[in-house]
C-alpha atoms as a PDB file:
ATOM      1  CA  MET A   1    -141.492  26.134 -81.667  1.00  0.00           C
ATOM      2  CA  THR A   2    -141.267  27.312 -85.270  1.00  0.00           C
ATOM      3  CA  LYS A   3    -138.654  29.559 -86.551  1.00  0.00           C
ATOM      4  CA  GLY A   4    -141.117  32.394 -86.861  1.00  0.00           C
ATOM      5  CA  GLN A   5    -142.143  32.067 -83.315  1.00  0.00           C
ATOM      6  CA  GLN A   6    -138.499  32.210 -82.230  1.00  0.00           C
ATOM      7  CA  ILE A   7    -137.991  35.439 -84.141  1.00  0.00           C
ATOM      8  CA  VAL A   8    -141.072  36.982 -82.516  1.00  0.00           C
ATOM      9  CA  LEU A   9    -139.809  35.935 -79.072  1.00  0.00           C
ATOM     10  CA  VAL A  10    -136.435  37.552 -79.643  1.00  0.00           C
ATOM     11  CA  ILE A  11    -138.055  40.761 -80.746  1.00  0.00           C
ATOM     12  CA  VAL A  12    -140.267  40.854 -77.629  1.00  0.00           C
ATOM     13  CA  ILE A  13    -137.297  40.272 -75.303  1.00  0.00           C
ATOM     14  CA  SER A  14    -135.299  43.037 -77.011  1.00  0.00           C
ATOM     15  CA  MET A  15    -138.135  45.456 -76.597  1.00  0.00           C
ATOM     16  CA  LEU A  16    -138.510  44.634 -72.941  1.00  0.00           C
ATOM     17  CA  PHE A  17    -134.798  45.220 -72.378  1.00  0.00           C
ATOM     18  CA  GLY A  18    -134.947  48.548 -74.110  1.00  0.00           C
ATOM     19  CA  VAL A  19    -137.926  49.733 -72.081  1.00  0.00           C
ATOM     20  CA  THR A  20    -136.176  48.712 -68.873  1.00  0.00           C
ATOM     21  CA  LEU A  21    -133.022  50.597 -69.846  1.00  0.00           C
ATOM     22  CA  LEU A  22    -134.987  53.714 -70.683  1.00  0.00           C
ATOM     23  CA  LEU A  23    -136.767  53.705 -67.340  1.00  0.00           C
ATOM     24  CA  ALA A  24    -133.483  53.432 -65.516  1.00  0.00           C
ATOM     25  CA  ILE A  25    -131.977  56.410 -67.340  1.00  0.00           C
ATOM     26  CA  THR A  26    -135.067  58.513 -66.624  1.00  0.00           C
ATOM     27  CA  LEU A  27    -134.909  57.707 -62.903  1.00  0.00           C
ATOM     28  CA  ILE A  28    -131.284  58.658 -62.648  1.00  0.00           C
ATOM     29  CA  ASN A  29    -131.809  62.027 -64.290  1.00  0.00           C
ATOM     30  CA  THR A  30    -134.751  62.751 -61.994  1.00  0.00           C
ATOM     31  CA  ASN A  31    -132.625  62.197 -58.863  1.00  0.00           C
ATOM     32  CA  ARG A  32    -129.849  64.477 -60.141  1.00  0.00           C
ATOM     33  CA  ALA A  33    -132.319  67.298 -60.703  1.00  0.00           C
ATOM     34  CA  ALA A  34    -133.713  67.009 -57.180  1.00  0.00           C
ATOM     35  CA  SER A  35    -130.342  67.067 -55.369  1.00  0.00           C
ATOM     36  CA  PRO A  36    -128.486  70.502 -55.209  1.00  0.00           C
ATOM     37  CA  VAL A  37    -124.893  70.622 -56.280  1.00  0.00           C
ATOM     38  CA  PRO A  38    -122.684  71.043 -53.145  1.00  0.00           C
ATOM     39  CA  THR A  39    -120.762  74.256 -52.822  1.00  0.00           C
ATOM     40  CA  LEU A  40    -117.050  73.845 -52.249  1.00  0.00           C
ATOM     41  CA  ALA A  41    -115.756  75.959 -49.279  1.00  0.00           C
ATOM     42  CA  LEU A  42    -112.510  77.638 -49.875  1.00  0.00           C
ATOM     43  CA  LEU A  43    -109.836  77.129 -47.251  1.00  0.00           C
ATOM     44  CA  PRO A  44    -108.854  80.308 -45.384  1.00  0.00           C
ATOM     45  CA  THR A  45    -105.778  82.008 -46.608  1.00  0.00           C
ATOM     46  CA  SER A  46    -103.042  81.845 -43.988  1.00  0.00           C
ATOM     47  CA  THR A  47    -101.412  85.191 -43.155  1.00  0.00           C
ATOM     48  CA  ALA A  48     -98.511  83.611 -41.404  1.00  0.00           C
ATOM     49  CA  PRO A  49     -95.306  83.762 -43.253  1.00  0.00           C
ATOM     50  CA  ALA A  50     -94.551  80.648 -45.034  1.00  0.00           C
ATOM     51  CA  THR A  51     -92.140  78.394 -43.230  1.00  0.00           C
ATOM     52  CA  GLN A  52     -89.204  77.638 -45.332  1.00  0.00           C
ATOM     53  CA  LEU A  53     -88.228  74.041 -45.084  1.00  0.00           C
ATOM     54  CA  VAL A  54     -84.485  73.584 -44.898  1.00  0.00           C
ATOM     55  CA  TYR A  55     -83.302  70.243 -45.952  1.00  0.00           C
ATOM     56  CA  THR A  56     -80.459  69.057 -43.878  1.00  0.00           C
ATOM     57  CA  PRO A  57     -78.894  66.079 -45.403  1.00  0.00           C
ATOM     58  CA  THR A  58     -78.215  63.245 -42.913  1.00  0.00           C
ATOM     59  CA  PRO A  59     -74.608  62.229 -43.168  1.00  0.00           C
ATOM     60  CA  ILE A  60     -74.162  58.700 -44.144  1.00  0.00           C
ATOM     61  CA  THR A  61     -71.694  56.834 -42.009  1.00  0.00           C
ATOM     62  CA  VAL A  62     -69.670  54.640 -44.164  1.00  0.00           C
ATOM     63  CA  PRO A  63     -68.332  51.669 -42.246  1.00  0.00           C
ATOM     64  CA  PRO A  64     -64.572  51.624 -42.095  1.00  0.00           C
ATOM     65  CA  THR A  65     -62.830  49.635 -44.596  1.00  0.00           C
ATOM     66  CA  TRP A  66     -61.800  46.342 -42.972  1.00  0.00           C
ATOM     67  CA  THR A  67     -58.099  46.033 -42.895  1.00  0.00           C
ATOM     68  CA  PRO A  68     -57.057  42.459 -42.536  1.00  0.00           C
ATOM     69  CA  LEU A  69     -54.839  41.804 -39.544  1.00  0.00           C
ATOM     70  CA  PRO A  70     -51.281  40.968 -40.308  1.00  0.00           C
ATOM     71  CA  SER A  71     -50.496  37.342 -40.400  1.00  0.00           C
ATOM     72  CA  ARG A  72     -49.859  36.068 -36.888  1.00  0.00           C
ATOM     73  CA  THR A  73     -46.334  35.043 -36.213  1.00  0.00           C
ATOM     74  CA  PRO A  74     -46.418  31.590 -34.738  1.00  0.00           C
ATOM     75  CA  TYR A  75     -44.978  31.245 -31.264  1.00  0.00           C
ATOM     76  CA  ALA A  76     -41.551  29.862 -30.963  1.00  0.00           C
ATOM     77  CA  THR A  77     -41.564  26.213 -30.171  1.00  0.00           C
ATOM     78  CA  SER A  78     -40.732  25.768 -26.491  1.00  0.00           C
ATOM     79  CA  THR A  79     -38.102  23.219 -25.752  1.00  0.00           C
ATOM     80  CA  PRO A  80     -39.139  21.344 -22.604  1.00  0.00           C
ATOM     81  CA  PRO A  81     -36.516  21.441 -19.853  1.00  0.00           C
ATOM     82  CA  SER A  82     -34.635  18.312 -19.270  1.00  0.00           C
ATOM     83  CA  THR A  83     -36.007  16.256 -16.402  1.00  0.00           C
ATOM     84  CA  PRO A  84     -33.389  15.963 -13.664  1.00  0.00           C
ATOM     85  CA  THR A  85     -32.562  12.504 -12.593  1.00  0.00           C
ATOM     86  CA  SER A  86     -33.981  11.918  -9.128  1.00  0.00           C
ATOM     87  CA  THR A  87     -31.532  10.495  -6.654  1.00  0.00           C
ATOM     88  CA  PRO A  88     -33.372   8.377  -4.115  1.00  0.00           C
ATOM     89  CA  PRO A  89     -32.730   9.402  -0.497  1.00  0.00           C
ATOM     90  CA  PRO A  90     -30.516   7.139   1.515  1.00  0.00           C
ATOM     91  CA  THR A  91     -32.268   4.450   3.444  1.00  0.00           C
ATOM     92  CA  ILE A  92     -32.209   5.207   7.138  1.00  0.00           C
ATOM     93  CA  SER A  93     -32.070   2.185   9.334  1.00  0.00           C
ATOM     94  CA  PRO A  94     -34.319   2.456  12.410  1.00  0.00           C
ATOM     95  CA  THR A  95     -32.736   2.748  15.800  1.00  0.00           C
ATOM     96  CA  PHE A  96     -33.738  -0.113  18.027  1.00  0.00           C
ATOM     97  CA  ALA A  97     -33.497  -0.496  21.766  1.00  0.00           C
ATOM     98  CA  PRO A  98     -30.000   0.044  23.060  1.00  0.00           C
ATOM     99  CA  THR A  99     -27.699  -2.850  22.461  1.00  0.00           C
ATOM    100  CA  PHE A 100     -24.412  -2.512  24.233  1.00  0.00           C
ATOM    101  CA  THR A 101     -21.716  -4.532  22.534  1.00  0.00           C
ATOM    102  CA  PRO A 102     -18.472  -4.403  24.506  1.00  0.00           C
ATOM    103  CA  ARG A 103     -15.440  -3.917  22.358  1.00  0.00           C
ATOM    104  CA  PRO A 104     -12.780  -6.574  22.493  1.00  0.00           C
ATOM    105  CA  THR A 105     -10.496  -4.003  24.080  1.00  0.00           C
ATOM    106  CA  GLN A 106      -9.154  -5.287  27.356  1.00  0.00           C
ATOM    107  CA  VAL A 107     -10.625  -3.608  30.403  1.00  0.00           C
ATOM    108  CA  VAL A 108      -8.067  -1.309  31.899  1.00  0.00           C
ATOM    109  CA  THR A 109      -8.129  -1.324  35.700  1.00  0.00           C
ATOM    110  CA  PRO A 110      -6.064   1.348  37.433  1.00  0.00           C
ATOM    111  CA  SER A 111      -3.170  -0.067  39.395  1.00  0.00           C
ATOM    112  CA  LEU A 112      -4.014  -0.257  43.079  1.00  0.00           C
ATOM    113  CA  PRO A 113      -2.259  -1.851  46.053  1.00  0.00           C
ATOM    114  CA  GLY A 114      -3.253  -5.498  46.292  1.00  0.00           C
ATOM    115  CA  PRO A 115      -5.879  -6.220  48.937  1.00  0.00           C
ATOM    116  CA  THR A 116      -4.961  -8.261  51.989  1.00  0.00           C
ATOM    117  CA  ASP A 117      -8.579  -9.341  52.463  1.00  0.00           C
ATOM    118  CA  THR A 118     -11.672  -9.511  50.237  1.00  0.00           C
ATOM    119  CA  LEU A 119     -15.095  -8.707  51.615  1.00  0.00           C
ATOM    120  CA  GLY A 120     -17.908 -10.559  49.934  1.00  0.00           C
ATOM    121  CA  LEU A 121     -20.779  -8.387  48.815  1.00  0.00           C
ATOM    122  CA  GLN A 122     -24.213  -9.870  48.404  1.00  0.00           C
ATOM    123  CA  ASN A 123     -24.879 -10.621  44.732  1.00  0.00           C
ATOM    124  CA  PRO A 124     -21.870  -8.675  43.377  1.00  0.00           C
ATOM    125  CA  THR A 125     -22.585 -10.043  39.859  1.00  0.00           C
ATOM    126  CA  PHE A 126     -26.177  -8.763  39.790  1.00  0.00           C
ATOM    127  CA  GLU A 127     -28.024 -12.007  39.148  1.00  0.00           C
ATOM    128  CA  GLY A 128     -31.706 -12.830  39.553  1.00  0.00           C
ATOM    129  CA  ILE A 129     -33.021  -9.301  38.827  1.00  0.00           C
ATOM    130  CA  ARG A 130     -36.762  -9.113  38.162  1.00  0.00           C
ATOM    131  CA  ASP A 131     -39.647  -6.659  38.655  1.00  0.00           C
ATOM    132  CA  ASN A 132     -37.269  -3.824  39.551  1.00  0.00           C
ATOM    133  CA  THR A 133     -35.859  -5.917  42.373  1.00  0.00           C
ATOM    134  CA  ILE A 134     -32.085  -6.453  42.627  1.00  0.00           C
ATOM    135  CA  PRO A 135     -31.356  -9.211  45.171  1.00  0.00           C
ATOM    136  CA  GLY A 136     -28.938  -7.959  47.851  1.00  0.00           C
ATOM    137  CA  TRP A 137     -29.180  -4.336  46.672  1.00  0.00           C
ATOM    138  CA  SER A 138     -31.450  -1.331  47.209  1.00  0.00           C
ATOM    139  CA  TRP A 139     -32.067   1.549  44.838  1.00  0.00           C
ATOM    140  CA  TRP A 140     -33.268   5.146  44.843  1.00  0.00           C
ATOM    141  CA  ALA A 141     -34.482   7.140  41.800  1.00  0.00           C
ATOM    142  CA  ALA A 142     -35.455  10.778  41.320  1.00  0.00           C
ATOM    143  CA  ASP A 143     -39.023  11.019  40.018  1.00  0.00           C
ATOM    144  CA  ASN A 144     -40.658  14.406  39.423  1.00  0.00           C
ATOM    145  CA  PHE A 145     -42.535  13.690  36.187  1.00  0.00           C
ATOM    146  CA  THR A 146     -46.267  13.005  35.937  1.00  0.00           C
ATOM    147  CA  PRO A 147     -47.734  11.940  32.563  1.00  0.00           C
ATOM    148  CA  GLY A 148     -49.713  14.862  31.206  1.00  0.00           C
ATOM    149  CA  GLY A 149     -47.918  17.332  33.460  1.00  0.00           C
ATOM    150  CA  ASP A 150     -45.140  19.832  32.787  1.00  0.00           C
ATOM    151  CA  TYR A 151     -42.198  18.458  30.858  1.00  0.00           C
ATOM    152  CA  ASP A 152     -38.636  19.745  30.595  1.00  0.00           C
ATOM    153  CA  PRO A 153     -36.091  17.523  28.850  1.00  0.00           C
ATOM    154  CA  ASP A 154     -33.332  18.806  31.135  1.00  0.00           C
ATOM    155  CA  THR A 155     -35.073  18.566  34.495  1.00  0.00           C
ATOM    156  CA  SER A 156     -37.823  15.959  34.088  1.00  0.00           C
ATOM    157  CA  PHE A 157     -36.869  12.664  35.728  1.00  0.00           C
ATOM    158  CA  ASP A 158     -38.743   9.380  35.840  1.00  0.00           C
ATOM    159  CA  THR A 159     -38.059   6.059  37.555  1.00  0.00           C
ATOM    160  CA  PRO A 160     -36.203   3.803  35.085  1.00  0.00           C
ATOM    161  CA  LEU A 161     -36.518   0.051  34.640  1.00  0.00           C
ATOM    162  CA  PHE A 162     -34.052  -2.091  36.567  1.00  0.00           C
ATOM    163  CA  LYS A 163     -33.668  -5.368  34.727  1.00  0.00           C
ATOM    164  CA  GLN A 164     -31.376  -8.265  33.988  1.00  0.00           C
ATOM    165  CA  ALA A 165     -29.651  -7.697  30.672  1.00  0.00           C
ATOM    166  CA  ASP A 166     -31.390 -10.302  28.499  1.00  0.00           C
ATOM    167  CA  ASP A 167     -29.172 -10.145  25.425  1.00  0.00           C
ATOM    168  CA  PRO A 168     -25.737 -11.770  25.748  1.00  0.00           C
ATOM    169  CA  VAL A 169     -24.179  -8.986  23.695  1.00  0.00           C
ATOM    170  CA  ARG A 170     -25.105  -6.630  26.530  1.00  0.00           C
ATOM    171  CA  PHE A 171     -23.373  -8.668  29.164  1.00  0.00           C
ATOM    172  CA  ILE A 172     -20.213  -7.222  30.663  1.00  0.00           C
ATOM    173  CA  ASN A 173     -19.100 -10.450  32.303  1.00  0.00           C
ATOM    174  CA  GLY A 174     -22.038 -12.815  32.463  1.00  0.00           C
ATOM    175  CA  PRO A 175     -25.317 -11.579  34.019  1.00  0.00           C
ATOM    176  CA  THR A 176     -25.406  -7.785  34.089  1.00  0.00           C
ATOM    177  CA  LEU A 177     -27.569  -5.083  35.673  1.00  0.00           C
ATOM    178  CA  GLN A 178     -29.239  -2.926  33.002  1.00  0.00           C
ATOM    179  CA  ILE A 179     -30.944   0.379  33.867  1.00  0.00           C
ATOM    180  CA  ASP A 180     -33.272   1.548  31.060  1.00  0.00           C
ATOM    181  CA  ALA A 181     -34.664   5.081  30.831  1.00  0.00           C
ATOM    182  CA  GLU A 182     -38.226   5.841  29.837  1.00  0.00           C
ATOM    183  CA  LYS A 183     -38.372   7.404  26.354  1.00  0.00           C
ATOM    184  CA  HIS A 184     -37.534  11.131  26.298  1.00  0.00           C
ATOM    185  CA  LEU A 185     -36.974  11.217  30.074  1.00  0.00           C
ATOM    186  CA  LYS A 186     -33.801  11.221  32.133  1.00  0.00           C
ATOM    187  CA  PHE A 187     -33.086   9.145  35.215  1.00  0.00           C
ATOM    188  CA  ASP A 188     -30.989   9.888  38.299  1.00  0.00           C
ATOM    189  CA  VAL A 189     -30.361   6.713  40.297  1.00  0.00           C
ATOM    190  CA  HIS A 190     -28.340   5.263  43.158  1.00  0.00           C
ATOM    191  CA  VAL A 191     -27.921   1.509  43.638  1.00  0.00           C
ATOM    192  CA  PHE A 192     -26.431   0.698  47.037  1.00  0.00           C
ATOM    193  CA  GLN A 193     -25.718  -1.948  49.680  1.00  0.00           C
ATOM    194  CA  THR A 194     -24.533  -1.735  53.312  1.00  0.00           C
ATOM    195  CA  VAL A 195     -21.791  -4.146  54.384  1.00  0.00           C
ATOM    196  CA  THR A 196     -20.405  -4.875  57.862  1.00  0.00           C
ATOM    197  CA  VAL A 197     -16.641  -4.257  58.093  1.00  0.00           C
ATOM    198  CA  SER A 198     -14.159  -4.084  60.976  1.00  0.00           C
ATOM    199  CA  PRO A 199     -13.907  -0.550  62.351  1.00  0.00           C
ATOM    200  CA  THR A 200     -10.859   1.500  61.336  1.00  0.00           C
ATOM    201  CA  ALA A 201     -10.146  -0.801  58.345  1.00  0.00           C
ATOM    202  CA  THR A 202      -9.283   0.848  55.047  1.00  0.00           C
ATOM    203  CA  VAL A 203     -11.483  -0.269  52.139  1.00  0.00           C
ATOM    204  CA  ARG A 204     -11.960   0.482  48.494  1.00  0.00           C
ATOM    205  CA  PHE A 205     -14.917  -0.231  46.188  1.00  0.00           C
ATOM    206  CA  GLN A 206     -14.960  -0.727  42.436  1.00  0.00           C
ATOM    207  CA  VAL A 207     -17.365  -1.882  39.695  1.00  0.00           C
ATOM    208  CA  LEU A 208     -17.316  -2.522  35.930  1.00  0.00           C
ATOM    209  CA  ALA A 209     -19.598  -0.251  33.868  1.00  0.00           C
ATOM    210  CA  GLY A 210     -20.790   0.372  30.323  1.00  0.00           C
ATOM    211  CA  ALA A 211     -23.462   2.551  28.702  1.00  0.00           C
ATOM    212  CA  PHE A 212     -25.617   3.271  25.654  1.00  0.00           C
ATOM    213  CA  ALA A 213     -26.912   6.718  24.699  1.00  0.00           C
ATOM    214  CA  ASP A 214     -28.718   7.939  21.594  1.00  0.00           C
ATOM    215  CA  THR A 215     -27.319  11.380  22.306  1.00  0.00           C
ATOM    216  CA  GLY A 216     -24.299  12.329  24.372  1.00  0.00           C
ATOM    217  CA  ALA A 217     -23.336   9.890  27.094  1.00  0.00           C
ATOM    218  CA  ILE A 218     -24.264   8.462  30.479  1.00  0.00           C
ATOM    219  CA  GLN A 219     -22.388   9.876  33.477  1.00  0.00           C
ATOM    220  CA  LEU A 220     -21.397   7.171  35.955  1.00  0.00           C
ATOM    221  CA  ALA A 221     -19.644   7.011  39.318  1.00  0.00           C
ATOM    222  CA  ALA A 222     -18.850   4.701  42.233  1.00  0.00           C
ATOM    223  CA  GLY A 223     -18.929   5.832  45.849  1.00  0.00           C
ATOM    224  CA  ILE A 224     -18.618   4.646  49.427  1.00  0.00           C
ATOM    225  CA  ASP A 225     -19.977   5.982  52.705  1.00  0.00           C
ATOM    226  CA  PRO A 226     -17.539   5.088  55.551  1.00  0.00           C
ATOM    227  CA  ASP A 227     -20.261   5.444  58.192  1.00  0.00           C
ATOM    228  CA  GLY A 228     -22.680   3.004  56.570  1.00  0.00           C
ATOM    229  CA  SER A 229     -25.655   5.354  56.130  1.00  0.00           C
ATOM    230  CA  PRO A 230     -28.804   3.745  54.650  1.00  0.00           C
ATOM    231  CA  ASP A 231     -28.421   5.800  51.466  1.00  0.00           C
ATOM    232  CA  CYS A 232     -25.704   7.476  49.399  1.00  0.00           C
ATOM    233  CA  ASN A 233     -26.151  11.065  50.551  1.00  0.00           C
ATOM    234  CA  ASN A 234     -22.823  11.082  52.412  1.00  0.00           C
ATOM    235  CA  ALA A 235     -20.852   8.913  50.018  1.00  0.00           C
ATOM    236  CA  GLN A 236     -17.396   9.845  48.814  1.00  0.00           C
ATOM    237  CA  TRP A 237     -17.515   9.572  45.043  1.00  0.00           C
ATOM    238  CA  SER A 238     -15.075   8.784  42.266  1.00  0.00           C
ATOM    239  CA  ASP A 239     -14.635  11.182  39.396  1.00  0.00           C
ATOM    240  CA  LEU A 240     -17.493  11.079  36.914  1.00  0.00           C
ATOM    241  CA  VAL A 241     -16.960   8.758  33.961  1.00  0.00           C
ATOM    242  CA  TYR A 242     -18.793   9.519  30.693  1.00  0.00           C
ATOM    243  CA  LEU A 243     -19.575   6.458  28.583  1.00  0.00           C
ATOM    244  CA  ASN A 244     -21.672   5.450  25.606  1.00  0.00           C
ATOM    245  CA  GLN A 245     -21.609   2.604  23.113  1.00  0.00           C
ATOM    246  CA  GLU A 246     -18.450   3.986  21.527  1.00  0.00           C
ATOM    247  CA  GLN A 247     -16.334   3.313  24.618  1.00  0.00           C
ATOM    248  CA  SER A 248     -15.297  -0.011  26.058  1.00  0.00           C
ATOM    249  CA  VAL A 249     -16.202  -1.292  29.505  1.00  0.00           C
ATOM    250  CA  GLN A 250     -14.538   0.718  32.257  1.00  0.00           C
ATOM    251  CA  ALA A 251     -13.602  -0.040  35.864  1.00  0.00           C
ATOM    252  CA  ILE A 252     -14.837   2.754  38.140  1.00  0.00           C
ATOM    253  CA  ILE A 253     -13.071   2.948  41.502  1.00  0.00           C
ATOM    254  CA  ALA A 254     -14.305   4.852  44.557  1.00  0.00           C
ATOM    255  CA  PRO A 255     -11.806   6.579  46.876  1.00  0.00           C
ATOM    256  CA  GLU A 256     -10.263   4.533  49.668  1.00  0.00           C
ATOM    257  CA  VAL A 257     -11.913   5.270  53.018  1.00  0.00           C
ATOM    258  CA  LYS A 258     -11.345   4.369  56.635  1.00  0.00           C
ATOM    259  CA  VAL A 259     -14.307   2.532  58.127  1.00  0.00           C
ATOM    260  CA  GLY A 260     -16.077   4.452  60.860  1.00  0.00           C
ATOM    261  CA  ARG A 261     -16.751   3.341  64.414  1.00  0.00           C
ATOM    262  CA  ALA A 262     -20.109   1.849  63.364  1.00  0.00           C
ATOM    263  CA  GLY A 263     -18.189  -0.914  61.656  1.00  0.00           C
ATOM    264  CA  LYS A 264     -20.069  -0.774  58.374  1.00  0.00           C
ATOM    265  CA  VAL A 265     -19.870   0.948  54.985  1.00  0.00           C
ATOM    266  CA  THR A 266     -22.387   1.641  52.211  1.00  0.00           C
ATOM    267  CA  VAL A 267     -21.191   1.100  48.639  1.00  0.00           C
ATOM    268  CA  CYS A 268     -22.962   3.102  45.916  1.00  0.00           C
ATOM    269  CA  LEU A 269     -23.450   3.214  42.150  1.00  0.00           C
ATOM    270  CA  TYR A 270     -24.607   6.359  40.347  1.00  0.00           C
ATOM    271  CA  ALA A 271     -25.931   6.827  36.783  1.00  0.00           C
ATOM    272  CA  GLU A 272     -27.591   9.715  34.920  1.00  0.00           C
ATOM    273  CA  PRO A 273     -27.883  10.483  31.169  1.00  0.00           C
ATOM    274  CA  LEU A 274     -26.587  13.824  29.973  1.00  0.00           C
ATOM    275  CA  TYR A 275     -29.634  14.281  27.712  1.00  0.00           C
ATOM    276  CA  ALA A 276     -33.143  12.898  27.455  1.00  0.00           C
ATOM    277  CA  ALA A 277     -33.449  10.601  24.428  1.00  0.00           C
ATOM    278  CA  ILE A 278     -35.343   7.634  23.074  1.00  0.00           C
ATOM    279  CA  SER A 279     -32.787   5.133  24.364  1.00  0.00           C
ATOM    280  CA  ASN A 280     -30.503   5.599  27.359  1.00  0.00           C
ATOM    281  CA  ALA A 281     -29.113   2.706  29.400  1.00  0.00           C
ATOM    282  CA  ALA A 282     -26.441   2.062  32.024  1.00  0.00           C
ATOM    283  CA  PHE A 283     -24.813  -1.337  32.721  1.00  0.00           C
ATOM    284  CA  PHE A 284     -23.043  -2.562  35.887  1.00  0.00           C
ATOM    285  CA  ASP A 285     -21.321  -5.841  36.737  1.00  0.00           C
ATOM    286  CA  ASP A 286     -18.688  -7.413  39.015  1.00  0.00           C
ATOM    287  CA  ALA A 287     -18.769  -5.140  42.041  1.00  0.00           C
ATOM    288  CA  GLU A 288     -15.890  -5.595  44.507  1.00  0.00           C
ATOM    289  CA  LEU A 289     -15.242  -4.367  48.046  1.00  0.00           C
ATOM    290  CA  ASN A 290     -11.657  -4.890  49.134  1.00  0.00           C
ATOM    291  CA  VAL A 291     -10.004  -4.216  52.475  1.00  0.00           C
ATOM    292  CA  ASN A 292      -6.401  -3.016  52.800  1.00  0.00           C
ATOM    293  CA  PRO A 293      -4.088  -3.035  55.807  1.00  0.00           C
END
């Protein structure tokens, strides 16, 4: 395209733009003339008295000024108490089964008139005892206690064990009769033997005795029935002797009696603990029956 043609083209484009702009202006003016101008409606005038707005200022809460706490006084240092020195309790040695150890004190036998004759008892030294059997002797024992039944330490009695003392330190003079209580129960026993003697003879009976008791003592006695009854219910008894392991062996002597017309006597031993305990035992040895003029 030549330069002249370019100029002509620019002129044509400018003219077209101008015509287009003119048409647009004319159209706008025509629309304005056709549309009525809107009338503004006035708002009604209010007859109510004007409300006066009162401004109430909202108080402003100012947070309190932080006052630092005073410096904390440190606690006083506690001095720990001194630890007391523990003293160990004394060692308690267990109590074993009763062991009667006769003291070396000489047995004191009361002075009696010398016998003119000596009657031999059967097994006066209490040998060969086994299974609650004492050769030559009989025994009786109170027994009112039943395991699981009522129990009273003062009045509950059980049959004890009649045995040969098996520890030499328990011997009185060689083999010895030992009567062992059941634990926490008392015993009440008679050991007896009936001997034939000439009627109207005067006799006396004696025996050596010892005892062991955890608490209190064992009460012991020797007796004789001049009519030879098959038990000791009618025996004439010596005074009671109270012994435990603190006393030496004692000779217990029954009263002298005159033999009845039956010509026989029953000699008796008696033993009973004062208190029920774990270990209670009575010991007898060397029984003698002597006849006097």
